[in-house]
């Protein structure tokens, strides 16, 4: 009986993961920016800087690129 439950749950789980990944990839710059902000709140400045730099490198034309550049500048001024 347990095998049947897992056999049903695995495809469902994979489908949910696929849709989640697709949604995230469309707004990846936004997701990275929000994660970087969260990292700052957690006092993890180093990881926040890595994420901001990733936005600059991979999404230079996005609205979040300018925001990331500003945050990096502000972090470096501290």
N, C-alpha and C. Protein backbone atom coordinates (compact mmCIF):
# COMPACT_ATOMS: atom_id res chain seq x y z
N UNK A 1 0.82 -1.20 0.00
CA UNK A 1 0.00 0.00 0.00
C UNK A 1 0.86 1.27 0.00
N UNK A 2 1.94 1.27 0.78
CA UNK A 2 2.81 2.44 0.84
C UNK A 2 3.43 2.74 -0.52
N UNK A 3 3.75 1.73 -1.27
CA UNK A 3 4.34 1.92 -2.59
C UNK A 3 3.39 2.68 -3.50
N UNK A 4 2.11 2.38 -3.44
CA UNK A 4 1.13 3.06 -4.27
C UNK A 4 1.01 4.54 -3.92
N UNK A 5 1.08 4.85 -2.64
CA UNK A 5 1.00 6.25 -2.21
C UNK A 5 2.21 7.01 -2.73
N UNK A 6 3.40 6.44 -2.56
CA UNK A 6 4.61 7.11 -3.03
C UNK A 6 4.65 7.20 -4.55
N UNK A 7 4.13 6.19 -5.20
CA UNK A 7 4.09 6.21 -6.67
C UNK A 7 3.22 7.36 -7.17
N UNK A 8 2.20 7.70 -6.43
CA UNK A 8 1.33 8.82 -6.81
C UNK A 8 1.93 10.17 -6.40
N UNK A 9 2.59 10.20 -5.27
CA UNK A 9 3.12 11.46 -4.75
C UNK A 9 4.35 11.95 -5.50
N UNK A 10 5.16 11.05 -5.98
CA UNK A 10 6.39 11.46 -6.67
C UNK A 10 6.09 12.26 -7.93
N UNK A 11 5.22 11.80 -8.82
CA UNK A 11 4.92 12.64 -10.00
C UNK A 11 4.27 13.98 -9.62
N UNK A 12 3.44 13.96 -8.59
CA UNK A 12 2.82 15.20 -8.14
C UNK A 12 3.88 16.17 -7.63
N UNK A 13 4.80 15.68 -6.82
CA UNK A 13 5.88 16.50 -6.30
C UNK A 13 6.73 17.06 -7.44
N UNK A 14 7.05 16.24 -8.41
CA UNK A 14 7.87 16.68 -9.54
C UNK A 14 7.15 17.75 -10.35
N UNK A 15 5.86 17.62 -10.51
CA UNK A 15 5.07 18.62 -11.25
C UNK A 15 5.08 19.95 -10.52
N UNK A 16 4.88 19.91 -9.21
CA UNK A 16 4.89 21.14 -8.40
C UNK A 16 6.26 21.81 -8.50
N UNK A 17 7.32 21.03 -8.41
CA UNK A 17 8.68 21.58 -8.51
C UNK A 17 8.92 22.21 -9.88
N UNK A 18 8.44 21.57 -10.92
CA UNK A 18 8.62 22.08 -12.27
C UNK A 18 7.92 23.43 -12.44
N UNK A 19 6.68 23.54 -11.96
CA UNK A 19 5.97 24.80 -12.06
C UNK A 19 6.62 25.88 -11.21
N UNK A 20 7.12 25.52 -10.05
CA UNK A 20 7.80 26.48 -9.20
C UNK A 20 9.06 26.99 -9.86
N UNK A 21 9.82 26.10 -10.46
CA UNK A 21 11.05 26.49 -11.13
C UNK A 21 10.76 27.40 -12.32
N UNK A 22 9.74 27.09 -13.08
CA UNK A 22 9.38 27.91 -14.24
C UNK A 22 8.97 29.30 -13.80
N UNK A 23 8.19 29.40 -12.76
CA UNK A 23 7.75 30.72 -12.28
C UNK A 23 8.94 31.52 -11.78
N UNK A 24 9.85 30.87 -11.11
CA UNK A 24 11.02 31.58 -10.58
C UNK A 24 11.95 32.05 -11.68
N UNK A 25 12.07 31.28 -12.74
CA UNK A 25 13.00 31.65 -13.80
C UNK A 25 12.53 32.90 -14.55
N UNK A 26 11.23 33.14 -14.59
CA UNK A 26 10.71 34.32 -15.27
C UNK A 26 11.04 35.59 -14.49
N UNK A 27 11.08 35.50 -13.21
CA UNK A 27 11.34 36.67 -12.37
C UNK A 27 12.59 36.44 -11.54
N UNK A 28 13.59 35.86 -12.15
CA UNK A 28 14.77 35.48 -11.38
C UNK A 28 15.51 36.70 -10.82
N UNK A 29 15.59 37.77 -11.55
CA UNK A 29 16.26 38.97 -11.03
C UNK A 29 15.53 39.47 -9.79
N UNK A 30 14.23 39.46 -9.85
CA UNK A 30 13.44 39.89 -8.69
C UNK A 30 13.66 38.93 -7.51
N UNK A 31 13.64 37.65 -7.78
CA UNK A 31 13.85 36.67 -6.73
C UNK A 31 15.22 36.80 -6.10
N UNK A 32 16.23 37.00 -6.92
CA UNK A 32 17.59 37.19 -6.40
C UNK A 32 17.67 38.45 -5.54
N UNK A 33 17.02 39.51 -6.00
CA UNK A 33 17.06 40.77 -5.26
C UNK A 33 16.38 40.61 -3.90
N UNK A 34 15.23 39.97 -3.88
CA UNK A 34 14.52 39.78 -2.61
C UNK A 34 15.32 38.88 -1.67
N UNK A 35 15.97 37.88 -2.22
CA UNK A 35 16.81 37.01 -1.40
C UNK A 35 17.99 37.78 -0.84
N UNK A 36 18.58 38.64 -1.65
CA UNK A 36 19.70 39.46 -1.19
C UNK A 36 19.25 40.39 -0.06
N UNK A 37 18.08 40.96 -0.20
CA UNK A 37 17.55 41.82 0.87
C UNK A 37 17.36 41.03 2.16
N UNK A 38 16.84 39.82 2.03
CA UNK A 38 16.66 38.96 3.19
C UNK A 38 18.02 38.63 3.84
N UNK A 39 19.01 38.37 3.00
CA UNK A 39 20.34 38.07 3.52
C UNK A 39 20.90 39.27 4.29
N UNK A 40 20.62 40.46 3.82
CA UNK A 40 21.05 41.65 4.55
C UNK A 40 20.37 41.72 5.92
N UNK A 41 19.09 41.42 5.96
CA UNK A 41 18.36 41.42 7.23
C UNK A 41 18.93 40.38 8.20
N UNK A 42 19.46 39.32 7.65
CA UNK A 42 20.04 38.25 8.47
C UNK A 42 21.52 38.52 8.78
N UNK A 43 21.98 39.71 8.44
CA UNK A 43 23.39 40.11 8.64
C UNK A 43 24.36 39.20 7.88
N UNK A 44 23.93 38.73 6.73
CA UNK A 44 24.79 37.92 5.87
C UNK A 44 25.16 38.77 4.66
N UNK A 45 25.94 39.78 4.92
CA UNK A 45 26.32 40.76 3.91
C UNK A 45 27.07 40.12 2.73
N UNK A 46 27.94 39.18 3.04
CA UNK A 46 28.75 38.55 1.99
C UNK A 46 27.87 37.85 0.96
N UNK A 47 26.87 37.11 1.41
CA UNK A 47 25.99 36.42 0.46
C UNK A 47 25.11 37.42 -0.29
N UNK A 48 24.68 38.47 0.39
CA UNK A 48 23.88 39.50 -0.27
C UNK A 48 24.67 40.13 -1.41
N UNK A 49 25.95 40.42 -1.17
CA UNK A 49 26.78 41.01 -2.21
C UNK A 49 26.94 40.06 -3.40
N UNK A 50 27.09 38.78 -3.12
CA UNK A 50 27.20 37.78 -4.21
C UNK A 50 25.93 37.79 -5.05
N UNK A 51 24.78 37.84 -4.40
CA UNK A 51 23.51 37.84 -5.13
C UNK A 51 23.33 39.12 -5.94
N UNK A 52 23.69 40.27 -5.37
CA UNK A 52 23.59 41.53 -6.11
C UNK A 52 24.51 41.50 -7.34
N UNK A 53 25.70 40.96 -7.18
CA UNK A 53 26.62 40.86 -8.31
C UNK A 53 26.10 39.90 -9.37
N UNK A 54 25.41 38.86 -8.94
CA UNK A 54 24.82 37.92 -9.90
C UNK A 54 23.73 38.61 -10.73
N UNK A 55 22.97 39.48 -10.09
CA UNK A 55 21.95 40.25 -10.82
C UNK A 55 22.62 41.12 -11.88
N UNK A 56 23.68 41.82 -11.47
CA UNK A 56 24.39 42.70 -12.41
C UNK A 56 24.97 41.91 -13.59
N UNK A 57 25.49 40.73 -13.32
CA UNK A 57 26.12 39.94 -14.37
C UNK A 57 25.10 39.29 -15.31
N UNK A 58 24.01 38.79 -14.74
CA UNK A 58 23.06 37.99 -15.54
C UNK A 58 21.83 38.75 -16.03
N UNK A 59 21.53 39.86 -15.39
CA UNK A 59 20.33 40.63 -15.76
C UNK A 59 20.65 42.12 -15.84
N UNK A 60 21.63 42.50 -16.64
CA UNK A 60 22.08 43.90 -16.66
C UNK A 60 21.02 44.90 -17.13
N UNK A 61 20.04 44.44 -17.90
CA UNK A 61 19.02 45.35 -18.42
C UNK A 61 17.75 45.36 -17.58
N UNK A 62 17.73 44.61 -16.48
CA UNK A 62 16.51 44.56 -15.67
C UNK A 62 16.45 45.76 -14.74
N UNK A 63 15.26 46.03 -14.25
CA UNK A 63 15.09 47.12 -13.28
C UNK A 63 15.83 46.82 -11.98
N UNK A 64 16.05 45.54 -11.71
CA UNK A 64 16.73 45.14 -10.47
C UNK A 64 18.24 45.33 -10.55
N UNK A 65 18.75 45.46 -11.75
CA UNK A 65 20.18 45.70 -11.90
C UNK A 65 20.57 47.04 -11.28
N UNK A 66 19.78 48.07 -11.55
CA UNK A 66 20.06 49.39 -10.97
C UNK A 66 19.90 49.36 -9.45
N UNK A 67 18.89 48.64 -8.98
CA UNK A 67 18.69 48.53 -7.54
C UNK A 67 19.85 47.78 -6.88
N UNK A 68 20.30 46.73 -7.54
CA UNK A 68 21.41 45.94 -7.00
C UNK A 68 22.69 46.78 -6.96
N UNK A 69 22.91 47.55 -8.01
CA UNK A 69 24.09 48.42 -8.06
C UNK A 69 24.06 49.43 -6.92
N UNK A 70 22.90 49.98 -6.66
CA UNK A 70 22.74 50.95 -5.58
C UNK A 70 23.01 50.29 -4.22
N UNK A 71 22.46 49.09 -4.02
CA UNK A 71 22.67 48.40 -2.75
C UNK A 71 24.14 48.05 -2.55
N UNK A 72 24.80 47.60 -3.60
CA UNK A 72 26.23 47.29 -3.50
C UNK A 72 27.02 48.53 -3.11
N UNK A 73 26.69 49.64 -3.72
CA UNK A 73 27.36 50.89 -3.41
C UNK A 73 27.14 51.27 -1.94
N UNK A 74 25.93 51.14 -1.48
CA UNK A 74 25.61 51.48 -0.09
C UNK A 74 26.30 50.53 0.87
N UNK A 75 26.38 49.25 0.53
CA UNK A 75 27.07 48.29 1.40
C UNK A 75 28.56 48.58 1.47
N UNK A 76 29.13 49.00 0.35
CA UNK A 76 30.56 49.29 0.32
C UNK A 76 30.90 50.60 1.04
N UNK A 77 29.90 51.48 1.19
CA UNK A 77 30.13 52.74 1.90
C UNK A 77 30.13 52.54 3.41
N UNK A 78 29.61 51.42 3.87
CA UNK A 78 29.54 51.17 5.32
C UNK A 78 30.86 50.76 5.88
